[in-house]
């Protein structure tokens, strides 16, 4: 895939926690009744999306009628039910997220040992999909 890296040994990898919104739905949200506004849910597109969503929130707060305020990610208090869903109460949300992370870590550990995953990979994938369906 990268011919210029032929012969280069990769010794390190990066990983970490990933914060996602329910349904992976990016949003710029304003609830005038409570006086709260927030933006988020843009996993993997944070730099560009955070700028775009901040501009969207600014337009919403200033009650401007722009293309951004009519975009699918722009939600006011009357549209909250169409976009965002509450997380399950703790510890269920934490348990589901932890089990998904464990399934990824288990697969990664097997790959690091260069062992054949055989039936383990499909089992881990089914387990991960089952846990992911709990938080959709």
Protein backbone atom coordinates (compact mmCIF):
# COMPACT_ATOMS: atom_id res chain seq x y z
CA UNK A 1 0.00 0.00 0.00
CA UNK A 2 2.90 2.36 0.79
CA UNK A 3 5.91 1.41 -1.36
CA UNK A 4 8.05 4.17 0.16
CA UNK A 5 7.81 2.36 3.50
CA UNK A 6 9.09 -0.97 2.21
CA UNK A 7 11.49 -2.40 4.75
CA UNK A 8 10.43 0.04 7.49
CA UNK A 9 9.52 -1.75 10.69
CA UNK A 10 6.43 -0.38 12.45
CA UNK A 11 7.07 -0.60 16.18
CA UNK A 12 4.28 1.46 17.71
CA UNK A 13 0.57 2.01 17.28
CA UNK A 14 -1.88 4.57 18.57
CA UNK A 15 -5.14 3.89 20.33
CA UNK A 16 -7.40 5.35 22.89
CA UNK A 17 -10.91 6.04 23.98
CA UNK A 18 -13.36 7.28 21.43
CA UNK A 19 -16.34 9.37 22.44
CA UNK A 20 -19.36 8.92 20.21
CA UNK A 21 -22.92 10.07 20.26
CA UNK A 22 -25.86 7.71 20.07
CA UNK A 23 -26.52 6.53 16.53
CA UNK A 24 -23.26 8.23 15.51
CA UNK A 25 -25.34 11.32 14.77
CA UNK A 26 -23.39 14.59 14.58
CA UNK A 27 -25.35 17.49 16.00
CA UNK A 28 -25.45 21.18 16.75
CA UNK A 29 -28.18 21.42 19.30
CA UNK A 30 -29.85 24.31 21.06
CA UNK A 31 -32.53 24.05 23.72
CA UNK A 32 -33.76 27.55 24.36
CA UNK A 33 -36.03 26.43 27.20
CA UNK A 34 -33.07 25.25 29.28
CA UNK A 35 -30.59 27.77 27.85
CA UNK A 36 -28.19 25.03 26.77
CA UNK A 37 -26.42 24.54 23.46
CA UNK A 38 -23.93 21.88 22.45
CA UNK A 39 -22.24 20.38 19.42
CA UNK A 40 -20.66 16.98 19.00
CA UNK A 41 -20.95 13.49 17.64
CA UNK A 42 -18.49 14.11 14.81
CA UNK A 43 -16.21 11.14 15.29
CA UNK A 44 -13.28 11.17 12.92
CA UNK A 45 -14.08 14.58 11.44
CA UNK A 46 -13.46 16.66 14.55
CA UNK A 47 -11.27 19.46 13.20
CA UNK A 48 -13.43 20.46 10.24
CA UNK A 49 -16.74 19.54 11.84
CA UNK A 50 -16.07 21.43 15.08
CA UNK A 51 -15.51 24.61 13.08
CA UNK A 52 -18.64 24.05 10.98
CA UNK A 53 -20.77 23.17 13.98
CA UNK A 54 -19.54 26.17 15.98
CA UNK A 55 -20.61 28.40 13.09
CA UNK A 56 -23.93 26.57 12.98
CA UNK A 57 -24.46 27.12 16.71
CA UNK A 58 -23.54 30.80 16.35
CA UNK A 59 -26.17 31.19 13.62
CA UNK A 60 -28.73 29.35 15.75
CA UNK A 61 -27.99 31.40 18.86
CA UNK A 62 -28.24 34.64 16.89
CA UNK A 63 -31.44 33.37 15.23
CA UNK A 64 -30.02 33.75 11.74
CA UNK A 65 -31.79 31.99 8.87
CA UNK A 66 -28.87 30.39 7.01
CA UNK A 67 -28.17 27.18 5.11
CA UNK A 68 -26.38 25.89 8.22
CA UNK A 69 -29.44 26.37 10.46
CA UNK A 70 -31.45 24.20 8.06
CA UNK A 71 -28.81 21.47 7.81
CA UNK A 72 -29.66 17.98 9.13
CA UNK A 73 -27.30 18.38 12.10
CA UNK A 74 -28.91 21.63 13.30
CA UNK A 75 -31.49 20.78 15.95
CA UNK A 76 -33.50 23.08 18.11
CA UNK A 77 -35.65 22.09 21.07
CA UNK A 78 -38.56 21.14 18.79
CA UNK A 79 -36.47 18.63 16.85
CA UNK A 80 -34.60 16.83 19.63
CA UNK A 81 -36.71 13.68 19.41
CA UNK A 82 -35.73 13.12 15.75
CA UNK A 83 -32.03 13.14 16.37
CA UNK A 84 -30.71 12.26 19.78
CA UNK A 85 -31.57 9.47 22.14
CA UNK A 86 -30.65 9.31 25.80
CA UNK A 87 -28.01 6.83 26.90
CA UNK A 88 -29.00 4.00 29.18
CA UNK A 89 -28.49 4.66 32.87
CA UNK A 90 -25.24 3.65 34.48
CA UNK A 91 -23.88 1.04 34.80
CA UNK A 92 -25.53 -0.36 31.64
CA UNK A 93 -23.98 2.17 29.26
CA UNK A 94 -20.57 1.69 30.86
CA UNK A 95 -20.91 -2.11 30.78
CA UNK A 96 -21.88 -2.14 27.07
CA UNK A 97 -19.03 0.19 26.11
CA UNK A 98 -16.58 -1.86 28.17
CA UNK A 99 -17.64 -5.12 26.55
CA UNK A 100 -17.26 -3.64 23.06
CA UNK A 101 -13.78 -2.40 23.99
CA UNK A 102 -12.93 -5.84 25.38
CA UNK A 103 -13.98 -7.53 22.14
CA UNK A 104 -11.73 -5.18 20.12
CA UNK A 105 -8.84 -5.67 22.53
CA UNK A 106 -9.25 -9.46 22.39
CA UNK A 107 -9.09 -9.48 18.61
CA UNK A 108 -6.08 -7.13 18.64
CA UNK A 109 -4.28 -9.37 21.16
CA UNK A 110 -4.84 -12.41 18.97
CA UNK A 111 -3.58 -10.54 15.92
CA UNK A 112 -0.46 -9.41 17.80
CA UNK A 113 0.34 -13.05 18.52
CA UNK A 114 -0.06 -13.79 14.80
CA UNK A 115 -2.34 -16.69 15.55
CA UNK A 116 -5.10 -17.77 13.24
CA UNK A 117 -8.36 -16.38 14.49
CA UNK A 118 -10.41 -19.19 12.91
CA UNK A 119 -13.80 -19.21 14.59
CA UNK A 120 -12.73 -16.62 17.16
CA UNK A 121 -12.93 -13.65 14.77
CA UNK A 122 -16.56 -14.31 13.72
CA UNK A 123 -17.49 -14.95 17.35
CA UNK A 124 -15.91 -11.66 18.44
CA UNK A 125 -17.62 -9.85 15.57
CA UNK A 126 -21.03 -11.27 16.55
CA UNK A 127 -20.40 -10.39 20.18
CA UNK A 128 -19.39 -6.85 19.24
CA UNK A 129 -22.44 -6.45 16.97
CA UNK A 130 -24.71 -7.68 19.75
CA UNK A 131 -23.31 -5.15 22.21
CA UNK A 132 -23.40 -2.37 19.61
CA UNK A 133 -27.07 -3.07 18.94
CA UNK A 134 -27.77 -2.43 22.62
CA UNK A 135 -26.57 1.16 22.33
CA UNK A 136 -28.14 2.05 18.98
